[in-house]
All heavy atoms as atom14 arrays in JSON, in Angstrom:
{
  "sequence": "SLAIREQNLTLKLRRGDLRKRFQFGLTNFMRE",
  "atom14_mask": [
    [1, 1, 1, 1, 1, 1, 0, 0, 0, 0, 0, 0, 0, 0],
    [1, 1, 1, 1, 1, 1, 1, 1, 0, 0, 0, 0, 0, 0],
    [1, 1, 1, 1, 1, 0, 0, 0, 0, 0, 0, 0, 0, 0],
    [1, 1, 1, 1, 1, 1, 1, 1, 0, 0, 0, 0, 0, 0],
    [1, 1, 1, 1, 1, 1, 1, 1, 1, 1, 1, 0, 0, 0],
    [1, 1, 1, 1, 1, 1, 1, 1, 1, 0, 0, 0, 0, 0],
    [1, 1, 1, 1, 1, 1, 1, 1, 1, 0, 0, 0, 0, 0],
    [1, 1, 1, 1, 1, 1, 1, 1, 0, 0, 0, 0, 0, 0],
    [1, 1, 1, 1, 1, 1, 1, 1, 0, 0, 0, 0, 0, 0],
    [1, 1, 1, 1, 1, 1, 1, 0, 0, 0, 0, 0, 0, 0],
    [1, 1, 1, 1, 1, 1, 1, 1, 0, 0, 0, 0, 0, 0],
    [1, 1, 1, 1, 1, 1, 1, 1, 1, 0, 0, 0, 0, 0],
    [1, 1, 1, 1, 1, 1, 1, 1, 0, 0, 0, 0, 0, 0],
    [1, 1, 1, 1, 1, 1, 1, 1, 1, 1, 1, 0, 0, 0],
    [1, 1, 1, 1, 1, 1, 1, 1, 1, 1, 1, 0, 0, 0],
    [1, 1, 1, 1, 0, 0, 0, 0, 0, 0, 0, 0, 0, 0],
    [1, 1, 1, 1, 1, 1, 1, 1, 0, 0, 0, 0, 0, 0],
    [1, 1, 1, 1, 1, 1, 1, 1, 0, 0, 0, 0, 0, 0],
    [1, 1, 1, 1, 1, 1, 1, 1, 1, 1, 1, 0, 0, 0],
    [1, 1, 1, 1, 1, 1, 1, 1, 1, 0, 0, 0, 0, 0],
    [1, 1, 1, 1, 1, 1, 1, 1, 1, 1, 1, 0, 0, 0],
    [1, 1, 1, 1, 1, 1, 1, 1, 1, 1, 1, 0, 0, 0],
    [1, 1, 1, 1, 1, 1, 1, 1, 1, 0, 0, 0, 0, 0],
    [1, 1, 1, 1, 1, 1, 1, 1, 1, 1, 1, 0, 0, 0],
    [1, 1, 1, 1, 0, 0, 0, 0, 0, 0, 0, 0, 0, 0],
    [1, 1, 1, 1, 1, 1, 1, 1, 0, 0, 0, 0, 0, 0],
    [1, 1, 1, 1, 1, 1, 1, 0, 0, 0, 0, 0, 0, 0],
    [1, 1, 1, 1, 1, 1, 1, 1, 0, 0, 0, 0, 0, 0],
    [1, 1, 1, 1, 1, 1, 1, 1, 1, 1, 1, 0, 0, 0],
    [1, 1, 1, 1, 1, 1, 1, 1, 0, 0, 0, 0, 0, 0],
    [1, 1, 1, 1, 1, 1, 1, 1, 1, 1, 1, 0, 0, 0],
    [1, 1, 1, 1, 1, 1, 1, 1, 1, 0, 0, 0, 0, 0]
  ],
  "atom14_positions": [
    [[0.82, -1.21, 0.0], [0.0, 0.0, 0.0], [0.86, 1.26, 0.0], [0.37, 2.36, -0.3], [-0.93, 0.02, 1.21], [-0.18, 0.06, 2.42], [0.0, 0.0, 0.0], [0.0, 0.0, 0.0], [0.0, 0.0, 0.0], [0.0, 0.0, 0.0], [0.0, 0.0, 0.0], [0.0, 0.0, 0.0], [0.0, 0.0, 0.0], [0.0, 0.0, 0.0]],
    [[2.13, 1.11, 0.33], [3.03, 2.26, 0.44], [4.06, 2.33, -0.69], [4.56, 3.4, -0.99], [3.77, 2.22, 1.78], [2.93, 2.09, 3.05], [3.84, 2.04, 4.27], [1.93, 3.23, 3.16], [0.0, 0.0, 0.0], [0.0, 0.0, 0.0], [0.0, 0.0, 0.0], [0.0, 0.0, 0.0], [0.0, 0.0, 0.0], [0.0, 0.0, 0.0]],
    [[4.38, 1.19, -1.28], [5.47, 1.16, -2.25], [5.16, 0.23, -3.41], [4.3, -0.65, -3.31], [6.76, 0.7, -1.55], [0.0, 0.0, 0.0], [0.0, 0.0, 0.0], [0.0, 0.0, 0.0], [0.0, 0.0, 0.0], [0.0, 0.0, 0.0], [0.0, 0.0, 0.0], [0.0, 0.0, 0.0], [0.0, 0.0, 0.0], [0.0, 0.0, 0.0]],
    [[5.86, 0.44, -4.51], [5.77, -0.42, -5.68], [7.18, -0.94, -5.98], [8.17, -0.37, -5.53], [5.21, 0.31, -6.91], [6.1, 1.51, -7.27], [3.77, 0.76, -6.67], [5.7, 2.19, -8.57], [0.0, 0.0, 0.0], [0.0, 0.0, 0.0], [0.0, 0.0, 0.0], [0.0, 0.0, 0.0], [0.0, 0.0, 0.0], [0.0, 0.0, 0.0]],
    [[7.24, -2.01, -6.76], [8.55, -2.53, -7.16], [8.84, -2.08, -8.59], [8.05, -2.32, -9.5], [8.59, -4.06, -7.08], [10.03, -4.59, -7.15], [10.08, -6.1, -7.08], [9.51, -6.64, -5.87], [10.15, -6.7, -4.7], [11.38, -6.21, -4.58], [9.56, -7.22, -3.65], [0.0, 0.0, 0.0], [0.0, 0.0, 0.0], [0.0, 0.0, 0.0]],
    [[9.96, -1.44, -8.75], [10.34, -0.95, -10.07], [10.98, -2.08, -10.87], [11.25, -3.17, -10.36], [11.3, 0.23, -9.93], [10.66, 1.42, -9.22], [11.49, 2.67, -9.33], [12.58, 2.71, -8.74], [11.04, 3.59, -10.04], [0.0, 0.0, 0.0], [0.0, 0.0, 0.0], [0.0, 0.0, 0.0], [0.0, 0.0, 0.0], [0.0, 0.0, 0.0]],
    [[11.26, -1.8, -12.14], [11.82, -2.83, -13.02], [13.18, -3.32, -12.55], [13.54, -4.47, -12.78], [11.91, -2.31, -14.46], [10.56, -2.17, -15.15], [10.71, -1.83, -16.62], [11.8, -1.5, -17.1], [9.6, -1.93, -17.36], [0.0, 0.0, 0.0], [0.0, 0.0, 0.0], [0.0, 0.0, 0.0], [0.0, 0.0, 0.0], [0.0, 0.0, 0.0]],
    [[13.94, -2.45, -11.88], [15.24, -2.89, -11.35], [15.1, -3.59, -10.0], [16.1, -3.88, -9.35], [16.19, -1.7, -11.24], [15.71, -0.66, -10.22], [14.67, -0.81, -9.58], [16.47, 0.41, -10.08], [0.0, 0.0, 0.0], [0.0, 0.0, 0.0], [0.0, 0.0, 0.0], [0.0, 0.0, 0.0], [0.0, 0.0, 0.0], [0.0, 0.0, 0.0]],
    [[13.83, -3.87, -9.59], [13.47, -4.65, -8.4], [13.63, -3.89, -7.08], [13.39, -4.45, -6.0], [14.26, -5.96, -8.33], [14.08, -6.88, -9.56], [14.84, -8.18, -9.37], [12.6, -7.18, -9.8], [0.0, 0.0, 0.0], [0.0, 0.0, 0.0], [0.0, 0.0, 0.0], [0.0, 0.0, 0.0], [0.0, 0.0, 0.0], [0.0, 0.0, 0.0]],
    [[14.01, -2.62, -7.13], [14.03, -1.82, -5.91], [12.62, -1.31, -5.61], [11.74, -1.28, -6.49], [14.98, -0.62, -6.05], [14.5, 0.23, -7.11], [16.39, -1.08, -6.36], [0.0, 0.0, 0.0], [0.0, 0.0, 0.0], [0.0, 0.0, 0.0], [0.0, 0.0, 0.0], [0.0, 0.0, 0.0], [0.0, 0.0, 0.0], [0.0, 0.0, 0.0]],
    [[12.38, -0.92, -4.35], [11.08, -0.38, -3.97], [11.08, 1.13, -4.12], [12.07, 1.8, -3.84], [10.75, -0.76, -2.52], [10.65, -2.24, -2.18], [10.0, -2.42, -0.81], [9.89, -3.02, -3.23], [0.0, 0.0, 0.0], [0.0, 0.0, 0.0], [0.0, 0.0, 0.0], [0.0, 0.0, 0.0], [0.0, 0.0, 0.0], [0.0, 0.0, 0.0]],
    [[9.94, 1.64, -4.53], [9.75, 3.08, -4.69], [8.43, 3.46, -4.04], [7.41, 2.79, -4.23], [9.73, 3.46, -6.18], [9.5, 4.94, -6.43], [9.41, 5.24, -7.92], [9.13, 6.72, -8.18], [9.02, 6.99, -9.64], [0.0, 0.0, 0.0], [0.0, 0.0, 0.0], [0.0, 0.0, 0.0], [0.0, 0.0, 0.0], [0.0, 0.0, 0.0]],
    [[8.44, 4.53, -3.26], [7.23, 4.99, -2.6], [6.17, 5.38, -3.62], [6.47, 5.97, -4.66], [7.53, 6.19, -1.7], [8.37, 5.92, -0.45], [8.67, 7.22, 0.26], [7.64, 4.96, 0.49], [0.0, 0.0, 0.0], [0.0, 0.0, 0.0], [0.0, 0.0, 0.0], [0.0, 0.0, 0.0], [0.0, 0.0, 0.0], [0.0, 0.0, 0.0]],
    [[4.92, 5.06, -3.31], [3.82, 5.45, -4.19], [3.64, 6.97, -4.19], [3.3, 7.55, -5.22], [2.52, 4.77, -3.75], [2.53, 3.26, -3.96], [1.2, 2.64, -3.57], [1.19, 1.2, -3.81], [0.87, 0.62, -4.96], [0.49, 1.37, -5.99], [0.89, -0.7, -5.09], [0.0, 0.0, 0.0], [0.0, 0.0, 0.0], [0.0, 0.0, 0.0]],
    [[3.88, 7.59, -3.02], [3.83, 9.04, -2.9], [4.86, 9.48, -1.88], [5.19, 8.74, -0.95], [2.44, 9.53, -2.44], [1.27, 9.12, -3.3], [0.01, 9.9, -2.88], [-0.21, 9.9, -1.43], [-0.89, 8.97, -0.78], [-1.41, 7.95, -1.43], [-1.05, 9.04, 0.53], [0.0, 0.0, 0.0], [0.0, 0.0, 0.0], [0.0, 0.0, 0.0]],
    [[5.33, 10.67, -2.03], [6.35, 11.19, -1.14], [5.89, 11.31, 0.29], [6.7, 11.16, 1.23], [0.0, 0.0, 0.0], [0.0, 0.0, 0.0], [0.0, 0.0, 0.0], [0.0, 0.0, 0.0], [0.0, 0.0, 0.0], [0.0, 0.0, 0.0], [0.0, 0.0, 0.0], [0.0, 0.0, 0.0], [0.0, 0.0, 0.0], [0.0, 0.0, 0.0]],
    [[4.59, 11.55, 0.52], [4.11, 11.75, 1.88], [3.96, 10.44, 2.65], [3.55, 10.44, 3.82], [2.78, 12.51, 1.87], [1.67, 11.77, 1.12], [1.98, 10.74, 0.47], [0.52, 12.22, 1.2], [0.0, 0.0, 0.0], [0.0, 0.0, 0.0], [0.0, 0.0, 0.0], [0.0, 0.0, 0.0], [0.0, 0.0, 0.0], [0.0, 0.0, 0.0]],
    [[4.3, 9.31, 2.01], [4.22, 8.02, 2.68], [5.55, 7.61, 3.31], [5.65, 6.54, 3.91], [3.78, 6.94, 1.69], [2.39, 7.12, 1.07], [2.14, 6.05, 0.01], [1.3, 7.07, 2.14], [0.0, 0.0, 0.0], [0.0, 0.0, 0.0], [0.0, 0.0, 0.0], [0.0, 0.0, 0.0], [0.0, 0.0, 0.0], [0.0, 0.0, 0.0]],
    [[6.55, 8.46, 3.18], [7.9, 8.09, 3.63], [7.94, 7.78, 5.12], [8.57, 6.81, 5.55], [8.89, 9.2, 3.3], [10.34, 8.86, 3.7], [11.31, 9.89, 3.15], [11.23, 9.95, 1.7], [11.82, 9.08, 0.88], [12.53, 8.08, 1.38], [11.7, 9.2, -0.41], [0.0, 0.0, 0.0], [0.0, 0.0, 0.0], [0.0, 0.0, 0.0]],
    [[7.26, 8.6, 5.93], [7.3, 8.4, 7.37], [6.71, 7.05, 7.75], [7.27, 6.31, 8.58], [6.55, 9.52, 8.09], [6.63, 9.43, 9.6], [5.91, 10.6, 10.25], [5.98, 10.49, 11.78], [5.27, 11.64, 12.44], [0.0, 0.0, 0.0], [0.0, 0.0, 0.0], [0.0, 0.0, 0.0], [0.0, 0.0, 0.0], [0.0, 0.0, 0.0]],
    [[5.59, 6.69, 7.15], [4.95, 5.41, 7.44], [5.82, 4.24, 6.99], [5.95, 3.23, 7.67], [3.58, 5.33, 6.78], [2.54, 6.26, 7.39], [1.24, 6.22, 6.6], [0.68, 4.86, 6.54], [-0.31, 4.52, 5.74], [-0.85, 5.41, 4.92], [-0.77, 3.28, 5.75], [0.0, 0.0, 0.0], [0.0, 0.0, 0.0], [0.0, 0.0, 0.0]],
    [[6.45, 4.39, 5.82], [7.33, 3.34, 5.31], [8.51, 3.14, 6.26], [8.85, 2.0, 6.6], [7.81, 3.7, 3.91], [8.7, 2.65, 3.28], [8.16, 1.64, 2.51], [10.07, 2.69, 3.47], [8.97, 0.67, 1.93], [10.89, 1.72, 2.91], [10.34, 0.71, 2.13], [0.0, 0.0, 0.0], [0.0, 0.0, 0.0], [0.0, 0.0, 0.0]],
    [[9.13, 4.22, 6.68], [10.29, 4.13, 7.56], [9.93, 3.58, 8.93], [10.69, 2.84, 9.54], [10.96, 5.51, 7.7], [11.66, 5.99, 6.45], [12.8, 5.07, 6.04], [13.5, 4.51, 6.88], [13.01, 4.92, 4.73], [0.0, 0.0, 0.0], [0.0, 0.0, 0.0], [0.0, 0.0, 0.0], [0.0, 0.0, 0.0], [0.0, 0.0, 0.0]],
    [[8.73, 3.93, 9.41], [8.27, 3.39, 10.68], [8.15, 1.88, 10.62], [8.6, 1.15, 11.5], [6.92, 4.02, 11.05], [6.33, 3.49, 12.33], [6.84, 3.85, 13.55], [5.25, 2.61, 12.29], [6.3, 3.36, 14.74], [4.7, 2.11, 13.47], [5.23, 2.49, 14.69], [0.0, 0.0, 0.0], [0.0, 0.0, 0.0], [0.0, 0.0, 0.0]],
    [[7.55, 1.38, 9.53], [7.44, -0.06, 9.35], [8.78, -0.73, 9.18], [9.02, -1.82, 9.72], [0.0, 0.0, 0.0], [0.0, 0.0, 0.0], [0.0, 0.0, 0.0], [0.0, 0.0, 0.0], [0.0, 0.0, 0.0], [0.0, 0.0, 0.0], [0.0, 0.0, 0.0], [0.0, 0.0, 0.0], [0.0, 0.0, 0.0], [0.0, 0.0, 0.0]],
    [[9.68, -0.09, 8.45], [11.01, -0.66, 8.25], [11.78, -0.73, 9.57], [12.47, -1.72, 9.84], [11.78, 0.2, 7.24], [13.18, -0.28, 6.87], [13.15, -1.67, 6.26], [13.84, 0.71, 5.9], [0.0, 0.0, 0.0], [0.0, 0.0, 0.0], [0.0, 0.0, 0.0], [0.0, 0.0, 0.0], [0.0, 0.0, 0.0], [0.0, 0.0, 0.0]],
    [[11.63, 0.3, 10.39], [12.29, 0.29, 11.69], [11.8, -0.86, 12.56], [12.58, -1.54, 13.23], [12.06, 1.63, 12.42], [12.64, 2.69, 11.65], [12.68, 1.62, 13.81], [0.0, 0.0, 0.0], [0.0, 0.0, 0.0], [0.0, 0.0, 0.0], [0.0, 0.0, 0.0], [0.0, 0.0, 0.0], [0.0, 0.0, 0.0], [0.0, 0.0, 0.0]],
    [[10.49, -1.11, 12.53], [9.94, -2.21, 13.3], [10.36, -3.57, 12.74], [10.53, -4.54, 13.48], [8.41, -2.11, 13.35], [7.94, -1.09, 14.37], [8.49, -0.99, 15.45], [6.94, -0.32, 14.0], [0.0, 0.0, 0.0], [0.0, 0.0, 0.0], [0.0, 0.0, 0.0], [0.0, 0.0, 0.0], [0.0, 0.0, 0.0], [0.0, 0.0, 0.0]],
    [[10.52, -3.64, 11.42], [11.02, -4.87, 10.8], [12.44, -5.15, 11.28], [12.8, -6.29, 11.62], [10.98, -4.7, 9.28], [11.32, -5.95, 8.51], [10.35, -6.9, 8.23], [12.61, -6.17, 8.05], [10.66, -8.05, 7.5], [12.93, -7.31, 7.33], [11.95, -8.26, 7.06], [0.0, 0.0, 0.0], [0.0, 0.0, 0.0], [0.0, 0.0, 0.0]],
    [[13.25, -4.1, 11.33], [14.62, -4.25, 11.83], [14.62, -4.62, 13.31], [15.45, -5.41, 13.77], [15.39, -2.95, 11.59], [15.56, -2.61, 10.11], [16.14, -0.93, 9.8], [17.8, -1.02, 10.49], [0.0, 0.0, 0.0], [0.0, 0.0, 0.0], [0.0, 0.0, 0.0], [0.0, 0.0, 0.0], [0.0, 0.0, 0.0], [0.0, 0.0, 0.0]],
    [[13.68, -4.07, 14.06], [13.56, -4.39, 15.48], [13.23, -5.87, 15.66], [13.75, -6.53, 16.56], [12.47, -3.52, 16.11], [12.19, -3.8, 17.58], [11.01, -2.97, 18.06], [10.72, -3.18, 19.47], [9.96, -4.16, 19.94], [9.44, -5.04, 19.1], [9.73, -4.27, 21.23], [0.0, 0.0, 0.0], [0.0, 0.0, 0.0], [0.0, 0.0, 0.0]],
    [[12.34, -6.4, 14.8], [12.01, -7.81, 14.89], [13.24, -8.68, 14.64], [13.46, -9.67, 15.33], [10.92, -8.17, 13.87], [10.54, -9.64, 13.91], [9.49, -10.0, 12.88], [9.05, -9.12, 12.12], [9.11, -11.19, 12.82], [0.0, 0.0, 0.0], [0.0, 0.0, 0.0], [0.0, 0.0, 0.0], [0.0, 0.0, 0.0], [0.0, 0.0, 0.0]]
  ]
}
């Protein structure tokens, strides 16, 4: 819901204002 996968297989945010939510989830993933 926050990101798409580009042709080079990296993730790209769907919109710039989603960065905080994406980073919050990534931080919790790293915490796990």
